[in-house]
C-alpha atoms as a PDB file:
ATOM      1  CA  MET A   1     117.545 101.990  86.130  1.00  0.00           C
ATOM      2  CA  ILE A   2     114.572 101.084  83.911  1.00  0.00           C
ATOM      3  CA  ARG A   3     113.647 103.836  81.504  1.00  0.00           C
ATOM      4  CA  THR A   4     110.164 103.666  80.095  1.00  0.00           C
ATOM      5  CA  SER A   5     108.074 106.071  78.074  1.00  0.00           C
ATOM      6  CA  ALA A   6     104.811 107.531  79.364  1.00  0.00           C
ATOM      7  CA  LYS A   7     102.997 105.276  76.904  1.00  0.00           C
ATOM      8  CA  SER A   8     104.689 102.096  78.169  1.00  0.00           C
ATOM      9  CA  THR A   9     104.133 103.190  81.788  1.00  0.00           C
ATOM     10  CA  ARG A  10     100.396 103.609  81.133  1.00  0.00           C
ATOM     11  CA  GLY A  11     100.381 100.192  79.465  1.00  0.00           C
ATOM     12  CA  ILE A  12     101.963  98.564  82.518  1.00  0.00           C
ATOM     13  CA  TRP A  13      99.421 100.246  84.856  1.00  0.00           C
ATOM     14  CA  LEU A  14      96.581  99.110  82.588  1.00  0.00           C
ATOM     15  CA  LEU A  15      97.902  95.548  82.619  1.00  0.00           C
ATOM     16  CA  GLY A  16      98.075  95.694  86.405  1.00  0.00           C
ATOM     17  CA  MET A  17      94.475  96.863  86.620  1.00  0.00           C
ATOM     18  CA  VAL A  18      93.354  94.055  84.284  1.00  0.00           C
ATOM     19  CA  ALA A  19      95.242  91.495  86.388  1.00  0.00           C
ATOM     20  CA  GLY A  20      93.586  92.828  89.528  1.00  0.00           C
ATOM     21  CA  LEU A  21      90.115  92.645  88.006  1.00  0.00           C
ATOM     22  CA  VAL A  22      90.556  89.174  86.492  1.00  0.00           C
ATOM     23  CA  PHE A  23      92.469  87.525  89.297  1.00  0.00           C
ATOM     24  CA  GLY A  24      91.404  89.605  92.286  1.00  0.00           C
ATOM     25  CA  VAL A  25      94.894  89.075  93.702  1.00  0.00           C
ATOM     26  CA  SER A  26      96.395  91.265  96.407  1.00  0.00           C
ATOM     27  CA  PRO A  27      98.293  90.518  99.624  1.00  0.00           C
ATOM     28  CA  CYS A  28      94.950  90.810 101.480  1.00  0.00           C
ATOM     29  CA  ALA A  29      93.228  88.497  98.998  1.00  0.00           C
ATOM     30  CA  ILE A  30      95.943  85.878  99.425  1.00  0.00           C
ATOM     31  CA  ALA A  31      95.565  86.083 103.188  1.00  0.00           C
ATOM     32  CA  GLN A  32      91.759  85.978 103.164  1.00  0.00           C
ATOM     33  CA  ASN A  33      91.075  83.293 100.549  1.00  0.00           C
ATOM     34  CA  THR A  34      91.214  79.766 101.867  1.00  0.00           C
ATOM     35  CA  PRO A  35      91.610  76.534  99.873  1.00  0.00           C
ATOM     36  CA  PRO A  36      88.533  74.393  99.265  1.00  0.00           C
ATOM     37  CA  PRO A  37      87.736  71.948 102.100  1.00  0.00           C
ATOM     38  CA  THR A  38      89.652  68.699 101.903  1.00  0.00           C
ATOM     39  CA  ASP A  39      86.396  66.709 101.829  1.00  0.00           C
ATOM     40  CA  GLU A  40      85.421  68.259  98.464  1.00  0.00           C
ATOM     41  CA  PRO A  41      88.043  67.029  95.982  1.00  0.00           C
ATOM     42  CA  LEU A  42      88.796  69.214  92.985  1.00  0.00           C
ATOM     43  CA  PRO A  43      88.240  67.805  89.482  1.00  0.00           C
ATOM     44  CA  PRO A  44      91.303  66.566  87.555  1.00  0.00           C
ATOM     45  CA  ASP A  45      93.480  69.464  86.366  1.00  0.00           C
ATOM     46  CA  LEU A  46      95.035  68.617  82.990  1.00  0.00           C
ATOM     47  CA  THR A  47      95.845  72.203  82.006  1.00  0.00           C
ATOM     48  CA  GLY A  48      99.473  71.979  83.149  1.00  0.00           C
ATOM     49  CA  THR A  49      99.185  75.383  84.840  1.00  0.00           C
ATOM     50  CA  ASN A  50      99.406  74.307  88.497  1.00  0.00           C
ATOM     51  CA  PRO A  51     103.124  74.387  89.463  1.00  0.00           C
ATOM     52  CA  LEU A  52     102.445  71.938  92.316  1.00  0.00           C
ATOM     53  CA  LEU A  53     100.935  69.243  90.104  1.00  0.00           C
ATOM     54  CA  PHE A  54     103.454  67.045  88.276  1.00  0.00           C
ATOM     55  CA  LEU A  55     102.032  65.044  85.359  1.00  0.00           C
ATOM     56  CA  PRO A  56     103.672  63.544  82.254  1.00  0.00           C
ATOM     57  CA  THR A  57     103.729  66.414  79.772  1.00  0.00           C
ATOM     58  CA  LEU A  58     104.888  66.680  76.173  1.00  0.00           C
ATOM     59  CA  THR A  59     105.044  70.193  74.713  1.00  0.00           C
ATOM     60  CA  LEU A  60     105.917  71.623  71.308  1.00  0.00           C
ATOM     61  CA  ARG A  61     106.109  75.424  71.157  1.00  0.00           C
ATOM     62  CA  ASN A  62     107.459  78.108  68.868  1.00  0.00           C
ATOM     63  CA  ASP A  63     108.592  81.513  70.152  1.00  0.00           C
ATOM     64  CA  TYR A  64     109.230  84.390  67.733  1.00  0.00           C
ATOM     65  CA  GLN A  65     111.087  87.373  69.233  1.00  0.00           C
ATOM     66  CA  HIS A  66     111.423  90.774  67.599  1.00  0.00           C
ATOM     67  CA  VAL A  67     114.639  91.950  69.224  1.00  0.00           C
ATOM     68  CA  ARG A  68     115.158  95.449  67.768  1.00  0.00           C
ATOM     69  CA  SER A  69     116.305  97.252  64.592  1.00  0.00           C
ATOM     70  CA  GLY A  70     115.475  94.330  62.303  1.00  0.00           C
ATOM     71  CA  LEU A  71     117.111  91.710  64.538  1.00  0.00           C
ATOM     72  CA  ARG A  72     114.971  88.670  65.335  1.00  0.00           C
ATOM     73  CA  GLN A  73     115.093  85.201  66.814  1.00  0.00           C
ATOM     74  CA  ASN A  74     112.804  82.191  66.448  1.00  0.00           C
ATOM     75  CA  THR A  75     113.073  79.233  68.821  1.00  0.00           C
ATOM     76  CA  THR A  76     111.210  75.945  68.456  1.00  0.00           C
ATOM     77  CA  ILE A  77     111.313  73.880  71.650  1.00  0.00           C
ATOM     78  CA  LEU A  78     110.395  70.250  72.251  1.00  0.00           C
ATOM     79  CA  ALA A  79     109.971  69.651  75.991  1.00  0.00           C
ATOM     80  CA  TYR A  80     109.146  66.574  78.026  1.00  0.00           C
ATOM     81  CA  ALA A  81     108.422  66.422  81.779  1.00  0.00           C
ATOM     82  CA  GLN A  82     108.270  63.138  83.696  1.00  0.00           C
ATOM     83  CA  PRO A  83     107.065  62.847  87.325  1.00  0.00           C
ATOM     84  CA  VAL A  84     109.249  60.860  89.731  1.00  0.00           C
ATOM     85  CA  GLN A  85     109.185  60.018  93.453  1.00  0.00           C
ATOM     86  CA  ASN A  86     105.426  59.421  93.587  1.00  0.00           C
ATOM     87  CA  ARG A  87     104.729  62.719  91.787  1.00  0.00           C
ATOM     88  CA  THR A  88     106.480  64.815  94.429  1.00  0.00           C
ATOM     89  CA  ALA A  89     109.177  65.679  91.879  1.00  0.00           C
ATOM     90  CA  ASN A  90     109.750  65.718  88.140  1.00  0.00           C
ATOM     91  CA  LEU A  91     112.435  65.901  85.482  1.00  0.00           C
ATOM     92  CA  ARG A  92     112.056  68.199  82.481  1.00  0.00           C
ATOM     93  CA  LEU A  93     114.165  68.228  79.317  1.00  0.00           C
ATOM     94  CA  ASN A  94     114.104  71.133  76.830  1.00  0.00           C
ATOM     95  CA  ILE A  95     115.488  70.672  73.314  1.00  0.00           C
ATOM     96  CA  PRO A  96     115.616  74.001  71.411  1.00  0.00           C
ATOM     97  CA  PHE A  97     116.173  74.656  67.716  1.00  0.00           C
ATOM     98  CA  VAL A  98     117.084  78.275  67.075  1.00  0.00           C
ATOM     99  CA  TYR A  99     117.074  80.642  64.105  1.00  0.00           C
ATOM    100  CA  ASN A 100     118.331  84.214  64.378  1.00  0.00           C
ATOM    101  CA  ASN A 101     120.156  86.984  62.552  1.00  0.00           C
ATOM    102  CA  LEU A 102     121.769  88.524  65.640  1.00  0.00           C
ATOM    103  CA  SER A 103     125.243  88.342  64.061  1.00  0.00           C
ATOM    104  CA  GLY A 104     124.054  90.020  60.873  1.00  0.00           C
ATOM    105  CA  LYS A 105     123.722  86.674  59.111  1.00  0.00           C
ATOM    106  CA  ASP A 106     120.956  84.077  59.161  1.00  0.00           C
ATOM    107  CA  ARG A 107     121.881  81.151  61.426  1.00  0.00           C
ATOM    108  CA  PHE A 108     119.956  77.993  62.327  1.00  0.00           C
ATOM    109  CA  GLY A 109     120.754  74.975  64.453  1.00  0.00           C
ATOM    110  CA  LEU A 110     120.581  73.310  67.843  1.00  0.00           C
ATOM    111  CA  GLY A 111     120.443  75.631  70.855  1.00  0.00           C
ATOM    112  CA  ASP A 112     121.414  75.068  74.490  1.00  0.00           C
ATOM    113  CA  LEU A 113     119.853  71.936  76.006  1.00  0.00           C
ATOM    114  CA  ALA A 114     118.377  72.291  79.504  1.00  0.00           C
ATOM    115  CA  LEU A 115     117.565  69.654  82.128  1.00  0.00           C
ATOM    116  CA  LYS A 116     115.612  70.606  85.270  1.00  0.00           C
ATOM    117  CA  TYR A 117     114.730  68.767  88.473  1.00  0.00           C
ATOM    118  CA  ASN A 118     111.714  70.149  90.366  1.00  0.00           C
ATOM    119  CA  PHE A 119     110.519  68.957  93.771  1.00  0.00           C
ATOM    120  CA  LEU A 120     107.949  69.839  96.429  1.00  0.00           C
ATOM    121  CA  PRO A 121     109.449  70.051  99.946  1.00  0.00           C
ATOM    122  CA  VAL A 122     106.099  71.213 101.364  1.00  0.00           C
ATOM    123  CA  VAL A 123     102.677  70.612  99.803  1.00  0.00           C
ATOM    124  CA  LYS A 124      99.027  70.528 100.914  1.00  0.00           C
ATOM    125  CA  THR A 125      96.555  68.539  98.840  1.00  0.00           C
ATOM    126  CA  ASN A 126      92.825  68.296  98.240  1.00  0.00           C
ATOM    127  CA  GLY A 127      92.348  64.660  97.289  1.00  0.00           C
ATOM    128  CA  PRO A 128      94.913  64.028  94.525  1.00  0.00           C
ATOM    129  CA  ILE A 129      95.278  67.739  93.677  1.00  0.00           C
ATOM    130  CA  PRO A 130      98.015  69.893  95.296  1.00  0.00           C
ATOM    131  CA  ILE A 131      96.531  73.259  96.321  1.00  0.00           C
ATOM    132  CA  GLU A 132      99.251  74.949  98.388  1.00  0.00           C
ATOM    133  CA  GLY A 133     102.963  74.480  98.812  1.00  0.00           C
ATOM    134  CA  ILE A 134     106.576  75.355  98.133  1.00  0.00           C
ATOM    135  CA  PHE A 135     108.334  74.315  94.936  1.00  0.00           C
ATOM    136  CA  VAL A 136     112.077  74.194  94.284  1.00  0.00           C
ATOM    137  CA  GLY A 137     113.923  73.654  91.006  1.00  0.00           C
ATOM    138  CA  ILE A 138     117.544  72.957  90.061  1.00  0.00           C
ATOM    139  CA  GLU A 139     118.383  73.348  86.378  1.00  0.00           C
ATOM    140  CA  GLY A 140     121.431  72.895  84.187  1.00  0.00           C
ATOM    141  CA  THR A 141     121.622  74.683  80.835  1.00  0.00           C
ATOM    142  CA  PHE A 142     124.428  73.292  78.723  1.00  0.00           C
ATOM    143  CA  ASP A 143     126.595  74.921  76.049  1.00  0.00           C
ATOM    144  CA  THR A 144     125.405  72.632  73.261  1.00  0.00           C
ATOM    145  CA  ALA A 145     124.548  75.228  70.593  1.00  0.00           C
ATOM    146  CA  SER A 146     125.758  74.228  67.154  1.00  0.00           C
ATOM    147  CA  ARG A 147     126.885  77.817  66.505  1.00  0.00           C
ATOM    148  CA  ASP A 148     127.999  80.551  68.898  1.00  0.00           C
ATOM    149  CA  GLU A 149     125.108  82.829  67.900  1.00  0.00           C
ATOM    150  CA  LEU A 150     122.497  80.234  68.881  1.00  0.00           C
ATOM    151  CA  GLY A 151     123.310  79.990  72.604  1.00  0.00           C
ATOM    152  CA  ARG A 152     124.839  81.835  75.540  1.00  0.00           C
ATOM    153  CA  GLY A 153     128.184  80.076  75.261  1.00  0.00           C
ATOM    154  CA  LYS A 154     128.149  79.053  78.920  1.00  0.00           C
ATOM    155  CA  ASN A 155     127.161  76.121  81.102  1.00  0.00           C
ATOM    156  CA  ILE A 156     124.668  77.627  83.540  1.00  0.00           C
ATOM    157  CA  LEU A 157     123.425  76.374  86.904  1.00  0.00           C
ATOM    158  CA  SER A 158     120.047  77.730  88.054  1.00  0.00           C
ATOM    159  CA  VAL A 159     118.278  77.455  91.410  1.00  0.00           C
ATOM    160  CA  GLU A 160     114.614  78.424  91.799  1.00  0.00           C
ATOM    161  CA  ALA A 161     112.230  78.549  94.759  1.00  0.00           C
ATOM    162  CA  GLY A 162     108.637  79.705  94.999  1.00  0.00           C
ATOM    163  CA  TYR A 163     105.302  79.468  96.755  1.00  0.00           C
ATOM    164  CA  ALA A 164     102.073  78.487  95.001  1.00  0.00           C
ATOM    165  CA  ARG A 165      98.496  78.604  96.207  1.00  0.00           C
ATOM    166  CA  PHE A 166      95.247  77.560  94.539  1.00  0.00           C
ATOM    167  CA  LEU A 167      92.661  80.182  95.502  1.00  0.00           C
ATOM    168  CA  SER A 168      88.886  80.031  95.137  1.00  0.00           C
ATOM    169  CA  GLY A 169      87.390  80.623  91.697  1.00  0.00           C
ATOM    170  CA  GLY A 170      90.071  78.705  89.808  1.00  0.00           C
ATOM    171  CA  ARG A 171      92.839  81.190  90.593  1.00  0.00           C
ATOM    172  CA  ILE A 172      96.491  80.362  91.271  1.00  0.00           C
ATOM    173  CA  VAL A 173      99.265  82.668  92.446  1.00  0.00           C
ATOM    174  CA  ALA A 174     102.860  81.434  92.359  1.00  0.00           C
ATOM    175  CA  PRO A 175     105.627  84.012  92.945  1.00  0.00           C
ATOM    176  CA  ALA A 176     109.135  82.622  92.503  1.00  0.00           C
ATOM    177  CA  LEU A 177     112.764  83.722  92.724  1.00  0.00           C
ATOM    178  CA  LYS A 178     115.431  82.285  90.401  1.00  0.00           C
ATOM    179  CA  TYR A 179     119.224  82.644  90.400  1.00  0.00           C
ATOM    180  CA  ASN A 180     121.329  81.870  87.296  1.00  0.00           C
ATOM    181  CA  ARG A 181     125.123  81.530  87.390  1.00  0.00           C
ATOM    182  CA  SER A 182     127.535  80.391  84.677  1.00  0.00           C
ATOM    183  CA  ILE A 183     130.029  77.832  85.918  1.00  0.00           C
ATOM    184  CA  SER A 184     132.089  77.137  82.788  1.00  0.00           C
ATOM    185  CA  GLY A 185     132.093  77.640  79.050  1.00  0.00           C
ATOM    186  CA  ASN A 186     133.578  79.867  76.371  1.00  0.00           C
ATOM    187  CA  GLY A 187     135.920  82.397  77.976  1.00  0.00           C
ATOM    188  CA  ASN A 188     135.123  84.921  75.267  1.00  0.00           C
ATOM    189  CA  ARG A 189     131.414  85.018  76.124  1.00  0.00           C
ATOM    190  CA  ALA A 190     129.789  87.110  78.845  1.00  0.00           C
ATOM    191  CA  ASN A 191     129.472  85.506  82.261  1.00  0.00           C
ATOM    192  CA  VAL A 192     125.965  84.897  83.600  1.00  0.00           C
ATOM    193  CA  ASN A 193     125.123  86.121  87.095  1.00  0.00           C
ATOM    194  CA  GLU A 194     121.485  87.180  87.406  1.00  0.00           C
ATOM    195  CA  LEU A 195     118.586  87.176  89.840  1.00  0.00           C
ATOM    196  CA  LEU A 196     115.067  86.915  88.414  1.00  0.00           C
ATOM    197  CA  PHE A 197     111.650  87.439  89.999  1.00  0.00           C
ATOM    198  CA  ASP A 198     108.572  85.845  88.456  1.00  0.00           C
ATOM    199  CA  PHE A 199     105.033  86.606  89.622  1.00  0.00           C
ATOM    200  CA  TYR A 200     102.833  83.971  88.014  1.00  0.00           C
ATOM    201  CA  MET A 201      99.030  84.382  88.084  1.00  0.00           C
ATOM    202  CA  VAL A 202      96.485  81.941  86.636  1.00  0.00           C
ATOM    203  CA  LYS A 203      92.738  82.060  86.141  1.00  0.00           C
ATOM    204  CA  GLN A 204      91.128  78.734  85.197  1.00  0.00           C
ATOM    205  CA  PHE A 205      87.690  79.253  83.653  1.00  0.00           C
ATOM    206  CA  GLY A 206      86.899  75.545  83.289  1.00  0.00           C
ATOM    207  CA  GLY A 207      84.020  74.507  81.080  1.00  0.00           C
ATOM    208  CA  ARG A 208      84.168  72.143  78.127  1.00  0.00           C
ATOM    209  CA  THR A 209      87.315  73.742  76.674  1.00  0.00           C
ATOM    210  CA  ALA A 210      89.118  74.141  80.037  1.00  0.00           C
ATOM    211  CA  ALA A 211      90.079  77.729  79.162  1.00  0.00           C
ATOM    212  CA  VAL A 212      92.913  79.329  81.130  1.00  0.00           C
ATOM    213  CA  LEU A 213      94.314  82.867  81.259  1.00  0.00           C
ATOM    214  CA  THR A 214      97.808  83.489  82.646  1.00  0.00           C
ATOM    215  CA  ILE A 215      99.631  86.755  83.337  1.00  0.00           C
ATOM    216  CA  ASP A 216     103.343  86.380  83.997  1.00  0.00           C
ATOM    217  CA  PRO A 217     105.446  89.498  84.823  1.00  0.00           C
ATOM    218  CA  GLN A 218     109.179  88.736  85.066  1.00  0.00           C
ATOM    219  CA  PHE A 219     111.833  91.175  86.277  1.00  0.00           C
ATOM    220  CA  GLY A 220     115.453  90.686  87.182  1.00  0.00           C
ATOM    221  CA  VAL A 221     118.820  92.158  88.051  1.00  0.00           C
ATOM    222  CA  ASP A 222     121.973  91.470  86.055  1.00  0.00           C
ATOM    223  CA  LEU A 223     124.438  91.190  88.933  1.00  0.00           C
ATOM    224  CA  THR A 224     127.424  91.687  86.622  1.00  0.00           C
ATOM    225  CA  SER A 225     126.142  95.233  86.043  1.00  0.00           C
ATOM    226  CA  THR A 226     123.707  96.386  88.708  1.00  0.00           C
ATOM    227  CA  ASN A 227     122.105  99.105  86.578  1.00  0.00           C
ATOM    228  CA  ARG A 228     120.791  96.520  84.120  1.00  0.00           C
ATOM    229  CA  ILE A 229     117.283  95.433  85.070  1.00  0.00           C
ATOM    230  CA  PRO A 230     115.613  93.417  82.301  1.00  0.00           C
ATOM    231  CA  GLY A 231     111.851  92.956  82.340  1.00  0.00           C
ATOM    232  CA  LEU A 232     109.175  90.984  80.497  1.00  0.00           C
ATOM    233  CA  VAL A 233     105.412  90.645  80.735  1.00  0.00           C
ATOM    234  CA  LYS A 234     103.730  87.656  79.064  1.00  0.00           C
ATOM    235  CA  VAL A 235     100.028  86.850  78.758  1.00  0.00           C
ATOM    236  CA  THR A 236      98.852  83.339  77.854  1.00  0.00           C
ATOM    237  CA  TYR A 237      95.466  82.139  76.671  1.00  0.00           C
ATOM    238  CA  GLN A 238      95.054  78.352  76.596  1.00  0.00           C
ATOM    239  CA  PHE A 239      92.170  76.029  75.786  1.00  0.00           C
ATOM    240  CA  SER A 240      91.481  72.396  74.935  1.00  0.00           C
ATOM    241  CA  PRO A 241      89.648  72.258  71.570  1.00  0.00           C
ATOM    242  CA  SER A 242      89.174  68.472  71.423  1.00  0.00           C
ATOM    243  CA  LYS A 243      89.657  66.806  74.802  1.00  0.00           C
ATOM    244  CA  GLN A 244      91.015  67.905  78.164  1.00  0.00           C
ATOM    245  CA  GLY A 245      94.747  67.405  78.470  1.00  0.00           C
ATOM    246  CA  HIS A 246      95.307  68.326  74.809  1.00  0.00           C
ATOM    247  CA  ASN A 247      96.009  72.046  75.164  1.00  0.00           C
ATOM    248  CA  VAL A 248      96.590  74.796  72.602  1.00  0.00           C
ATOM    249  CA  PHE A 249      98.018  78.129  73.729  1.00  0.00           C
ATOM    250  CA  VAL A 250      99.071  81.540  72.451  1.00  0.00           C
ATOM    251  CA  ARG A 251     101.457  83.718  74.468  1.00  0.00           C
ATOM    252  CA  PRO A 252     102.226  87.295  73.398  1.00  0.00           C
ATOM    253  CA  GLY A 253     104.673  89.330  75.438  1.00  0.00           C
ATOM    254  CA  VAL A 254     106.481  92.660  75.645  1.00  0.00           C
ATOM    255  CA  GLY A 255     109.889  93.674  76.948  1.00  0.00           C
ATOM    256  CA  VAL A 256     110.093  96.334  79.669  1.00  0.00           C
ATOM    257  CA  GLY A 257     112.899  98.814  80.311  1.00  0.00           C
ATOM    258  CA  LYS A 258     116.084  99.845  78.546  1.00  0.00           C
ATOM    259  CA  TRP A 259     117.733  96.450  79.067  1.00  0.00           C
ATOM    260  CA  ARG A 260     114.792  94.338  77.891  1.00  0.00           C
ATOM    261  CA  PRO A 261     115.894  91.149  76.078  1.00  0.00           C
ATOM    262  CA  TYR A 262     113.549  91.947  73.166  1.00  0.00           C
ATOM    263  CA  ASP A 263     110.843  94.425  72.171  1.00  0.00           C
ATOM    264  CA  TRP A 264     108.029  91.881  71.827  1.00  0.00           C
ATOM    265  CA  ASN A 265     107.408  88.197  71.206  1.00  0.00           C
ATOM    266  CA  PHE A 266     104.630  85.891  70.088  1.00  0.00           C
ATOM    267  CA  GLU A 267     104.575  82.237  71.100  1.00  0.00           C
ATOM    268  CA  VAL A 268     102.242  79.415  70.108  1.00  0.00           C
ATOM    269  CA  GLY A 269     102.255  75.855  71.357  1.00  0.00           C
ATOM    270  CA  TYR A 270     100.550  72.531  71.917  1.00  0.00           C
ATOM    271  CA  SER A 271     100.847  70.302  74.987  1.00  0.00           C
ATOM    272  CA  ILE A 272      99.614  66.870  75.980  1.00  0.00           C
ATOM    273  CA  VAL A 273      99.235  66.565  79.756  1.00  0.00           C
ATOM    274  CA  GLY A 274      98.564  63.541  81.922  1.00  0.00           C
ATOM    275  CA  PHE A 275      99.388  60.630  79.626  1.00  0.00           C
ATOM    276  CA  SER A 276     101.525  57.595  80.403  1.00  0.00           C
ATOM    277  CA  LEU A 277     104.206  56.333  78.049  1.00  0.00           C
END
């Protein structure tokens, strides 16, 4: 059971109210809003925030996490995504470099590499831009960490499925469900068996800087211990200071509940979207 203080509960309600005001998203809103007519193509979207639009993307980001009681972790990730199959699928590789003091000593090195295949079994488009559809992902996270403290010590298979819709006013909703299961690895490390729910909401403001605001609540159940329900809420602000497709973002977040993975985090990053190698 999640245990939260009155202060954190008020914060979560406030965040929900802000999301409702900014995004105007509710089950009724999703049912009532309709995509733009197919004879009025949308402008190119180089923000990288539409989960139905696969473009070549190179990202460098750094995520600092304040775990608790002086424990901390910093992860720098280089990621590359390449569309395949006429942009109905893509491959994404994540290469993490991790620093932490979770063992009581400072450690730094390579983390667990991850390779993901995403595809679109169902998609509706407006010109070249996908505006509604189902997305599915299959991901392998490999026990490649250079030290035990820098990874989970397991080879993990993940399966994800979700529905995304581009609403009027530059809004996107994309709820998704993800299942993670360890299939091999260090026998002395904890097995992974977890179900995660992600409710992803985007507001694209457009304009010269192509500003975007994202709210991303994530909650899950650790199926190895059913009373453990970790939660996170992340908010992202992104803009393009020089040219569209060259995006800068900041992403603060807070952990929710007794079993939160960390108290808070702060992430910054830079992505280049829509280029060809």
